[in-house]
């Protein structure tokens, strides 16, 4: 017998979209109106835009991991794990916990905000040899790895080995790749002063992208400005180029160049979480096709948003335009979905999502930045002030704001000690170690599993 009297709301994912949705639900609903459950492997929200600054040591990892339990009067139940399948007919979500247990979570309303995973291609050696840049652990690994390359190059007697350890390749000319290359180049540029045996001229950074322009969303002028800043710093930018194959000690570009390197960082875009494929529903370029209210058509109580959903962009007014997978949209969509769920529970009409982009900010480290707030193009210190001001204000908790501001000030005044924290002591973690794309069920497996556990009456 079902003794549950309150509607059960299940939120999948603790990214910008999922967390904002839960926060708004907590604020709008009284405890007797609904039970809210959140599925996430970690009880924190990662502030992804500042991840390159963690990799470069400007910020500590803890400063951008915003605790969920601290920031809310938390009556939401957190299931530590990840959703690996959803049976829309039975209204059951299949979850793999962090201890590898499989649990079934029934729901009345589900909010699908599982985010995205790194987009990879069938390039020989890529997942075995490239680092990703999407999690806190990956950022910490990359920092350790880059500093260890300087340590090993300094100790090496072999000129060829030394040269390969001091060349670094970043693939992806979007915001993540550009900021990662810029921040890590500053790290090596500052660190090499502590290695008197190393020739600074041997340190080479490559930023490559198959696209013809760097960060085309910035526009022609700002994109050129960003490219000029990178080139002035000695970062070699190659456009219209990608990776043909990757090995442990060298990378081959599609233009035929072979670069000896022990560091390949892959940031060439993202794709929707593999969870979306388990639904057997219509998709748009891999993202779940939803209405302007962020509802899944023909399925009551199913909402999807953020990187995994193709939410119509009504602000653009173009037929078929969808919102880009940005933090700015995800946060606002999260709040909007919560409002629509509350409206549904209270028998009120839902509203379509409409939001005009507020602009873009790109922090290139130090005094270098390019920003485009509300269409106004900025460079240098003003752009940096806008970029950091935006990120700082977007941090959800006062503790996180205090930590980030303290880190920025301390780094500006005292610099970095360039120490490794030991993540590289055992096994380097590459893309294959973080992208659990084989952990998800097929729609048929989900159905069979749910039927086997008695969730559906025959």
Protein backbone atom coordinates (compact mmCIF):
# COMPACT_ATOMS: atom_id res chain seq x y z
CA UNK A 1 0.00 0.00 0.00
CA UNK A 2 1.31 3.44 -0.87
CA UNK A 3 1.50 5.55 2.30
CA UNK A 4 3.09 8.57 0.62
CA UNK A 5 0.67 11.47 0.76
CA UNK A 6 2.91 14.31 -0.43
CA UNK A 7 4.02 14.65 -4.06
CA UNK A 8 7.58 13.41 -4.58
CA UNK A 9 9.85 15.75 -6.55
CA UNK A 10 13.11 14.22 -7.75
CA UNK A 11 15.87 16.51 -9.05
CA UNK A 12 18.69 14.82 -10.97
CA UNK A 13 22.00 16.71 -10.93
CA UNK A 14 23.55 19.36 -8.69
CA UNK A 15 24.90 21.69 -11.35
CA UNK A 16 23.71 25.26 -11.81
CA UNK A 17 20.27 24.16 -13.03
CA UNK A 18 19.57 21.47 -10.43
CA UNK A 19 20.77 23.47 -7.43
CA UNK A 20 18.86 26.61 -8.37
CA UNK A 21 15.74 24.49 -8.85
CA UNK A 22 16.08 22.89 -5.41
CA UNK A 23 16.79 26.23 -3.74
CA UNK A 24 13.68 27.79 -5.24
CA UNK A 25 11.55 24.76 -4.34
CA UNK A 26 12.82 24.96 -0.75
CA UNK A 27 11.88 28.61 -0.62
CA UNK A 28 8.48 28.37 -2.29
CA UNK A 29 7.06 25.13 -0.91
CA UNK A 30 6.09 24.45 2.68
CA UNK A 31 7.23 21.07 4.13
CA UNK A 32 3.75 19.53 3.85
CA UNK A 33 3.36 20.42 0.14
CA UNK A 34 6.02 18.10 -1.30
CA UNK A 35 9.06 15.93 -0.58
CA UNK A 36 12.17 17.01 -2.50
CA UNK A 37 15.04 14.62 -3.28
CA UNK A 38 18.31 15.48 -5.05
CA UNK A 39 20.51 12.92 -6.82
CA UNK A 40 24.20 13.88 -6.99
CA UNK A 41 27.53 12.07 -6.37
CA UNK A 42 28.78 15.08 -4.37
CA UNK A 43 27.00 17.26 -1.83
CA UNK A 44 28.34 20.41 -3.45
CA UNK A 45 27.77 22.54 -6.51
CA UNK A 46 30.92 23.07 -8.58
CA UNK A 47 31.35 26.60 -9.91
CA UNK A 48 32.71 25.44 -13.26
CA UNK A 49 33.72 28.80 -14.80
CA UNK A 50 36.51 29.18 -12.22
CA UNK A 51 37.93 25.67 -12.72
CA UNK A 52 40.92 26.94 -14.80
CA UNK A 53 41.92 29.09 -11.82
CA UNK A 54 41.98 25.97 -9.63
CA UNK A 55 44.17 24.19 -12.18
CA UNK A 56 46.56 27.13 -12.19
CA UNK A 57 46.63 27.44 -8.39
CA UNK A 58 45.02 30.88 -8.16
CA UNK A 59 42.09 29.35 -6.25
CA UNK A 60 41.98 26.38 -3.89
CA UNK A 61 39.63 23.51 -4.85
CA UNK A 62 37.45 24.03 -1.78
CA UNK A 63 36.74 27.64 -2.69
CA UNK A 64 34.64 26.74 -5.77
CA UNK A 65 32.93 23.67 -4.27
CA UNK A 66 29.82 25.26 -2.78
CA UNK A 67 28.38 23.08 -0.03
CA UNK A 68 24.73 22.22 -0.50
CA UNK A 69 24.20 21.50 3.18
CA UNK A 70 25.64 24.84 4.30
CA UNK A 71 23.67 27.02 1.90
CA UNK A 72 20.17 25.76 2.51
CA UNK A 73 17.91 25.04 5.47
CA UNK A 74 18.18 21.60 4.11
CA UNK A 75 15.11 19.46 4.26
CA UNK A 76 15.92 18.08 0.82
CA UNK A 77 17.11 14.48 0.90
CA UNK A 78 20.36 13.89 -0.97
CA UNK A 79 21.03 10.51 -2.58
CA UNK A 80 24.83 10.24 -3.13
CA UNK A 81 25.04 8.76 -6.60
CA UNK A 82 24.15 9.25 -10.24
CA UNK A 83 21.02 8.47 -12.24
CA UNK A 84 21.74 5.77 -14.84
CA UNK A 85 18.25 5.30 -16.24
CA UNK A 86 14.67 6.59 -16.08
CA UNK A 87 11.46 4.68 -16.76
CA UNK A 88 9.04 7.44 -17.70
CA UNK A 89 6.02 5.14 -17.74
CA UNK A 90 6.62 3.65 -14.31
CA UNK A 91 7.88 6.99 -12.93
CA UNK A 92 11.02 5.39 -11.51
CA UNK A 93 14.60 6.64 -11.65
CA UNK A 94 17.38 4.03 -11.43
CA UNK A 95 20.35 5.29 -9.43
CA UNK A 96 23.85 3.92 -8.94
CA UNK A 97 25.11 5.10 -5.54
CA UNK A 98 28.75 5.98 -4.82
CA UNK A 99 29.12 2.49 -3.30
CA UNK A 100 27.87 0.91 -6.58
CA UNK A 101 24.48 -0.11 -5.20
CA UNK A 102 21.55 0.09 -7.62
CA UNK A 103 18.47 1.72 -6.09
CA UNK A 104 15.09 2.61 -7.57
CA UNK A 105 13.62 5.97 -6.68
CA UNK A 106 9.92 6.52 -7.50
CA UNK A 107 8.75 10.06 -8.21
CA UNK A 108 5.71 12.11 -9.12
CA UNK A 109 7.70 14.95 -10.69
CA UNK A 110 11.24 14.63 -12.06
CA UNK A 111 13.61 17.44 -12.99
CA UNK A 112 16.30 16.22 -15.36
CA UNK A 113 19.40 18.39 -15.00
CA UNK A 114 22.24 15.85 -15.34
CA UNK A 115 24.42 18.32 -17.22
CA UNK A 116 26.95 17.29 -19.84
CA UNK A 117 30.05 15.21 -20.37
CA UNK A 118 33.19 15.97 -22.37
CA UNK A 119 32.67 15.56 -26.10
CA UNK A 120 35.25 13.18 -27.53
CA UNK A 121 35.78 11.79 -31.00
CA UNK A 122 37.14 8.50 -32.29
CA UNK A 123 40.74 9.73 -32.24
CA UNK A 124 43.37 7.03 -31.59
CA UNK A 125 44.85 7.35 -28.10
CA UNK A 126 42.70 10.32 -27.06
CA UNK A 127 40.90 8.95 -24.00
CA UNK A 128 44.03 7.07 -22.87
CA UNK A 129 46.36 10.06 -23.01
CA UNK A 130 44.35 13.29 -22.69
CA UNK A 131 43.30 15.08 -19.54
CA UNK A 132 39.77 16.42 -19.21
CA UNK A 133 38.82 19.67 -17.53
CA UNK A 134 35.31 19.21 -16.19
CA UNK A 135 35.64 18.13 -12.56
CA UNK A 136 37.40 19.36 -9.45
CA UNK A 137 39.57 16.24 -9.40
CA UNK A 138 40.65 16.76 -13.01
CA UNK A 139 41.69 20.36 -12.29
CA UNK A 140 43.72 19.20 -9.29
CA UNK A 141 45.32 16.42 -11.35
CA UNK A 142 46.26 18.81 -14.13
CA UNK A 143 47.93 21.23 -11.71
CA UNK A 144 49.95 18.40 -10.16
CA UNK A 145 50.84 17.06 -13.60
CA UNK A 146 52.03 20.41 -15.01
CA UNK A 147 54.23 21.10 -11.96
CA UNK A 148 55.59 17.55 -12.08
CA UNK A 149 56.61 18.12 -15.72
CA UNK A 150 58.73 21.06 -14.60
CA UNK A 151 60.24 18.98 -11.79
CA UNK A 152 61.04 16.06 -14.11
CA UNK A 153 62.39 18.31 -16.87
CA UNK A 154 64.64 20.04 -14.36
CA UNK A 155 66.04 16.69 -13.19
CA UNK A 156 66.41 15.15 -16.67
CA UNK A 157 69.75 14.86 -18.46
CA UNK A 158 68.07 14.02 -21.78
CA UNK A 159 67.41 17.11 -23.97
CA UNK A 160 64.64 15.32 -25.93
CA UNK A 161 62.81 14.31 -22.77
CA UNK A 162 63.22 17.78 -21.33
CA UNK A 163 61.78 19.38 -24.48
CA UNK A 164 58.76 17.05 -24.54
CA UNK A 165 57.97 17.68 -20.88
CA UNK A 166 58.01 21.43 -21.46
CA UNK A 167 55.52 21.45 -24.35
CA UNK A 168 51.83 21.59 -23.52
CA UNK A 169 48.83 21.17 -25.86
CA UNK A 170 45.28 22.38 -25.17
CA UNK A 171 42.55 21.38 -27.64
CA UNK A 172 39.46 23.59 -27.75
CA UNK A 173 39.21 27.29 -28.56
CA UNK A 174 36.05 27.93 -26.55
CA UNK A 175 35.93 29.61 -23.15
CA UNK A 176 37.12 26.58 -21.19
CA UNK A 177 40.09 25.84 -23.47
CA UNK A 178 41.16 29.46 -23.90
CA UNK A 179 41.01 30.21 -20.17
CA UNK A 180 42.75 26.92 -19.32
CA UNK A 181 45.64 27.61 -21.72
CA UNK A 182 45.91 31.23 -20.53
CA UNK A 183 45.87 30.41 -16.81
CA UNK A 184 48.24 27.44 -17.02
CA UNK A 185 50.68 29.38 -19.23
CA UNK A 186 50.85 31.99 -16.48
CA UNK A 187 51.53 29.20 -14.00
CA UNK A 188 54.49 27.80 -15.95
CA UNK A 189 55.80 31.29 -16.78
CA UNK A 190 55.91 32.18 -13.09
CA UNK A 191 57.12 28.76 -11.91
CA UNK A 192 60.09 28.50 -14.27
CA UNK A 193 61.79 31.32 -12.36
CA UNK A 194 62.20 28.81 -9.50
CA UNK A 195 64.01 26.39 -11.82
CA UNK A 196 67.36 28.00 -12.70
CA UNK A 197 68.43 24.95 -14.75
CA UNK A 198 65.48 25.29 -17.13
CA UNK A 199 65.52 27.50 -20.22
CA UNK A 200 62.21 29.47 -20.22
CA UNK A 201 62.37 29.45 -24.01
CA UNK A 202 61.77 25.70 -24.02
CA UNK A 203 58.32 26.09 -22.47
CA UNK A 204 55.76 26.11 -25.27
CA UNK A 205 51.99 26.19 -25.09
CA UNK A 206 49.79 25.24 -28.05
CA UNK A 207 46.08 26.08 -28.27
CA UNK A 208 44.36 24.44 -31.22
CA UNK A 209 40.80 24.34 -32.50
CA UNK A 210 39.16 23.00 -35.63
CA UNK A 211 37.02 26.18 -35.86
CA UNK A 212 38.24 29.12 -37.95
CA UNK A 213 37.89 31.61 -35.07
CA UNK A 214 38.68 31.73 -31.38
CA UNK A 215 35.54 32.13 -29.24
CA UNK A 216 33.34 33.34 -32.13
CA UNK A 217 30.57 34.30 -29.66
CA UNK A 218 32.70 37.27 -28.58
CA UNK A 219 32.57 38.82 -32.03
CA UNK A 220 35.34 39.66 -34.47
CA UNK A 221 37.14 42.41 -32.50
CA UNK A 222 37.15 40.84 -29.04
CA UNK A 223 38.05 37.44 -30.46
CA UNK A 224 41.06 38.99 -32.18
CA UNK A 225 41.99 40.80 -28.96
CA UNK A 226 41.95 37.55 -26.99
CA UNK A 227 44.06 35.86 -29.66
CA UNK A 228 46.56 38.72 -29.60
CA UNK A 229 46.87 38.51 -25.79
CA UNK A 230 47.63 34.79 -26.02
CA UNK A 231 50.16 35.21 -28.81
CA UNK A 232 51.87 38.04 -26.94
CA UNK A 233 52.34 35.63 -24.07
CA UNK A 234 53.93 33.08 -26.37
CA UNK A 235 50.95 30.73 -26.74
CA UNK A 236 50.84 29.37 -30.27
CA UNK A 237 47.25 29.49 -31.50
CA UNK A 238 46.42 27.18 -34.44
CA UNK A 239 42.92 27.34 -35.91
CA UNK A 240 41.40 24.89 -38.37
CA UNK A 241 43.53 22.19 -36.73
CA UNK A 242 42.71 19.24 -34.48
CA UNK A 243 44.33 16.04 -33.21
CA UNK A 244 44.92 13.10 -35.54
CA UNK A 245 46.30 10.77 -32.88
CA UNK A 246 47.63 11.01 -29.34
CA UNK A 247 50.40 9.05 -27.65
CA UNK A 248 52.03 9.15 -24.22
CA UNK A 249 54.99 11.24 -25.45
CA UNK A 250 53.76 12.98 -28.61
CA UNK A 251 50.67 14.31 -30.35
CA UNK A 252 50.06 14.42 -34.10
CA UNK A 253 48.04 17.35 -35.45
CA UNK A 254 45.77 17.06 -38.48
CA UNK A 255 48.08 19.43 -40.38
CA UNK A 256 50.87 16.86 -40.08
CA UNK A 257 52.86 18.44 -37.26
CA UNK A 258 54.13 16.09 -34.56
CA UNK A 259 54.55 17.80 -31.19
CA UNK A 260 56.57 16.00 -28.51
CA UNK A 261 54.54 16.47 -25.33
CA UNK A 262 53.49 14.68 -22.14
CA UNK A 263 50.50 17.02 -21.62
CA UNK A 264 47.37 16.96 -23.76
CA UNK A 265 44.35 18.78 -22.29
CA UNK A 266 41.06 18.17 -24.11
CA UNK A 267 38.34 20.83 -23.80
CA UNK A 268 36.73 20.53 -27.23
CA UNK A 269 33.13 20.97 -26.17
CA UNK A 270 30.49 18.98 -24.33
CA UNK A 271 27.53 16.73 -25.11
CA UNK A 272 24.41 16.00 -23.09
CA UNK A 273 24.68 13.41 -20.33
CA UNK A 274 24.26 9.82 -21.57
CA UNK A 275 21.28 9.63 -19.19
CA UNK A 276 19.20 11.39 -21.86
CA UNK A 277 19.62 8.45 -24.25
CA UNK A 278 18.04 6.09 -21.67
CA UNK A 279 14.68 7.87 -21.98
CA UNK A 280 13.94 6.85 -25.55
CA UNK A 281 12.54 10.36 -26.13
CA UNK A 282 13.06 12.83 -28.99
CA UNK A 283 16.33 14.76 -28.95
CA UNK A 284 17.83 17.77 -30.74
CA UNK A 285 21.55 17.23 -31.35
CA UNK A 286 21.65 14.93 -28.35
CA UNK A 287 19.72 17.27 -26.04
CA UNK A 288 16.21 16.40 -24.90
CA UNK A 289 13.51 18.16 -26.92
CA UNK A 290 11.31 20.12 -24.49
CA UNK A 291 8.64 22.82 -24.64
CA UNK A 292 9.23 26.47 -23.72
CA UNK A 293 7.94 25.56 -20.23
CA UNK A 294 10.77 22.95 -20.12
CA UNK A 295 8.30 20.05 -20.04
CA UNK A 296 8.84 16.79 -21.89
CA UNK A 297 5.93 16.48 -24.37
CA UNK A 298 3.41 13.71 -23.65
CA UNK A 299 4.87 12.97 -20.22
CA UNK A 300 3.24 14.59 -17.20
CA UNK A 301 5.57 15.74 -14.47
CA UNK A 302 8.80 15.46 -16.48
CA UNK A 303 10.95 18.59 -16.77
CA UNK A 304 14.38 18.95 -18.39
CA UNK A 305 16.77 21.89 -18.49
CA UNK A 306 20.39 23.01 -18.63
CA UNK A 307 23.03 21.37 -20.83
CA UNK A 308 20.93 18.25 -21.41
CA UNK A 309 17.82 19.97 -22.76
CA UNK A 310 17.14 21.85 -25.99
CA UNK A 311 15.12 24.66 -24.41
CA UNK A 312 13.57 26.98 -27.04
CA UNK A 313 15.23 30.40 -26.94
CA UNK A 314 12.18 32.65 -27.22
CA UNK A 315 14.30 35.79 -26.66
CA UNK A 316 15.94 35.26 -30.07
CA UNK A 317 12.61 34.91 -31.79
CA UNK A 318 14.07 32.50 -34.34
CA UNK A 319 12.19 29.37 -35.23
CA UNK A 320 14.15 26.42 -33.85
CA UNK A 321 16.69 28.45 -31.84
CA UNK A 322 17.64 26.83 -28.52
CA UNK A 323 19.36 28.26 -25.45
CA UNK A 324 23.13 27.72 -25.40
CA UNK A 325 24.51 25.45 -22.65
CA UNK A 326 25.76 28.24 -20.38
CA UNK A 327 25.69 28.67 -16.60
CA UNK A 328 23.71 31.86 -17.03
CA UNK A 329 20.83 30.06 -18.74
CA UNK A 330 21.05 27.00 -16.47
CA UNK A 331 20.65 29.06 -13.29
CA UNK A 332 17.63 30.92 -14.59
CA UNK A 333 16.08 27.79 -16.05
CA UNK A 334 16.45 26.06 -12.68
CA UNK A 335 14.52 28.78 -10.91
CA UNK A 336 11.92 28.87 -13.68
CA UNK A 337 11.29 25.11 -13.59
CA UNK A 338 10.81 25.32 -9.82
CA UNK A 339 8.22 28.06 -10.33
CA UNK A 340 6.42 25.91 -12.94
CA UNK A 341 6.36 22.90 -10.59
CA UNK A 342 4.95 25.05 -7.79
CA UNK A 343 2.34 26.41 -10.22
CA UNK A 344 1.38 22.86 -11.22
CA UNK A 345 1.03 21.76 -7.60
CA UNK A 346 -1.21 24.75 -6.91
CA UNK A 347 -3.27 24.31 -10.10
CA UNK A 348 -1.93 27.50 -11.65
CA UNK A 349 -0.73 27.94 -15.27
CA UNK A 350 2.94 27.42 -16.16
CA UNK A 351 4.96 30.14 -17.87
CA UNK A 352 7.37 29.77 -20.81
CA UNK A 353 11.06 30.47 -20.21
CA UNK A 354 12.37 33.73 -21.70
CA UNK A 355 15.75 35.21 -20.86
CA UNK A 356 18.02 37.51 -22.80
CA UNK A 357 21.73 36.80 -22.54
CA UNK A 358 23.47 39.33 -20.30
CA UNK A 359 26.83 39.00 -22.02
CA UNK A 360 30.09 37.09 -21.85
CA UNK A 361 33.24 37.29 -19.73
CA UNK A 362 36.62 35.65 -20.38
CA UNK A 363 39.30 35.79 -17.66
CA UNK A 364 42.76 35.25 -19.15
CA UNK A 365 44.58 35.67 -15.83
CA UNK A 366 46.43 38.62 -14.31
CA UNK A 367 45.20 41.88 -15.83
CA UNK A 368 44.19 40.22 -19.08
CA UNK A 369 40.53 39.69 -19.92
CA UNK A 370 37.92 40.38 -22.55
CA UNK A 371 34.27 40.92 -21.66
CA UNK A 372 31.06 41.83 -23.38
CA UNK A 373 28.50 42.79 -20.73
CA UNK A 374 25.18 43.82 -22.30
CA UNK A 375 26.90 44.15 -25.68
CA UNK A 376 29.62 46.57 -24.46
CA UNK A 377 33.11 45.42 -25.52
CA UNK A 378 35.77 45.69 -22.80
CA UNK A 379 39.45 44.75 -22.64
CA UNK A 380 42.18 44.69 -20.01
CA UNK A 381 41.58 45.82 -16.42
CA UNK A 382 37.95 46.97 -16.93
CA UNK A 383 37.14 43.62 -18.54
CA UNK A 384 38.91 41.80 -15.71
CA UNK A 385 36.93 43.75 -13.12
CA UNK A 386 33.67 42.83 -14.86
CA UNK A 387 34.69 39.16 -15.24
CA UNK A 388 35.71 38.68 -11.63
CA UNK A 389 32.85 40.80 -10.36
CA UNK A 390 30.37 38.64 -12.25
CA UNK A 391 31.88 35.36 -11.04
CA UNK A 392 32.15 36.61 -7.46
CA UNK A 393 28.54 37.76 -7.35
CA UNK A 394 27.35 34.47 -8.90
CA UNK A 395 28.91 32.41 -6.10
CA UNK A 396 26.00 31.24 -4.02
CA UNK A 397 27.31 31.37 -0.44
CA UNK A 398 29.04 34.12 1.51
CA UNK A 399 31.67 31.61 2.64
CA UNK A 400 32.54 30.83 -0.97
CA UNK A 401 32.71 34.53 -1.79
CA UNK A 402 35.05 35.12 1.14
CA UNK A 403 37.29 32.19 0.16
CA UNK A 404 37.52 33.25 -3.49
CA UNK A 405 38.22 36.89 -2.69
CA UNK A 406 40.89 35.89 -0.14
CA UNK A 407 42.49 33.54 -2.67
CA UNK A 408 42.56 36.26 -5.34
CA UNK A 409 44.14 38.78 -2.97
CA UNK A 410 46.67 36.30 -1.57
CA UNK A 411 47.69 35.14 -5.04
CA UNK A 412 48.07 38.74 -6.25
CA UNK A 413 50.26 39.66 -3.26
CA UNK A 414 52.21 36.48 -2.48
CA UNK A 415 52.08 34.45 -5.70
CA UNK A 416 52.22 30.66 -5.78
CA UNK A 417 54.48 28.10 -4.08
CA UNK A 418 54.08 25.64 -6.99
CA UNK A 419 53.76 22.59 -4.77
CA UNK A 420 52.22 19.30 -5.79
CA UNK A 421 49.54 17.82 -3.57
CA UNK A 422 50.29 14.18 -4.41
CA UNK A 423 47.50 13.33 -6.84
CA UNK A 424 50.13 12.23 -9.35
CA UNK A 425 51.89 9.91 -6.90
CA UNK A 426 50.06 6.79 -8.09
CA UNK A 427 48.18 6.90 -11.38
CA UNK A 428 47.42 9.89 -13.59
CA UNK A 429 43.72 10.22 -14.28
CA UNK A 430 42.90 10.68 -17.95
CA UNK A 431 39.61 11.19 -19.78
CA UNK A 432 38.75 7.48 -19.61
CA UNK A 433 38.99 7.57 -15.82
CA UNK A 434 36.39 10.32 -15.40
CA UNK A 435 33.84 9.82 -18.18
CA UNK A 436 31.69 6.92 -16.99
CA UNK A 437 29.76 6.76 -20.24
CA UNK A 438 29.46 2.96 -20.06
CA UNK A 439 27.66 3.06 -16.70
CA UNK A 440 24.26 3.97 -18.15
CA UNK A 441 21.41 1.62 -19.03
CA UNK A 442 19.66 1.35 -22.37
CA UNK A 443 15.91 2.08 -22.44
CA UNK A 444 15.30 -1.68 -22.70
CA UNK A 445 17.55 -2.41 -19.71
CA UNK A 446 15.76 0.23 -17.63
CA UNK A 447 12.38 -1.25 -18.49
CA UNK A 448 13.49 -4.80 -17.76
CA UNK A 449 15.09 -3.75 -14.48
CA UNK A 450 12.04 -1.85 -13.26
CA UNK A 451 9.67 -4.66 -14.26
CA UNK A 452 11.95 -7.14 -12.52
CA UNK A 453 11.75 -5.24 -9.24
CA UNK A 454 7.98 -5.17 -9.28
CA UNK A 455 7.50 -1.48 -9.95
CA UNK A 456 5.01 -2.18 -12.76
CA UNK A 457 1.88 -4.22 -12.42
CA UNK A 458 1.58 -6.85 -15.10
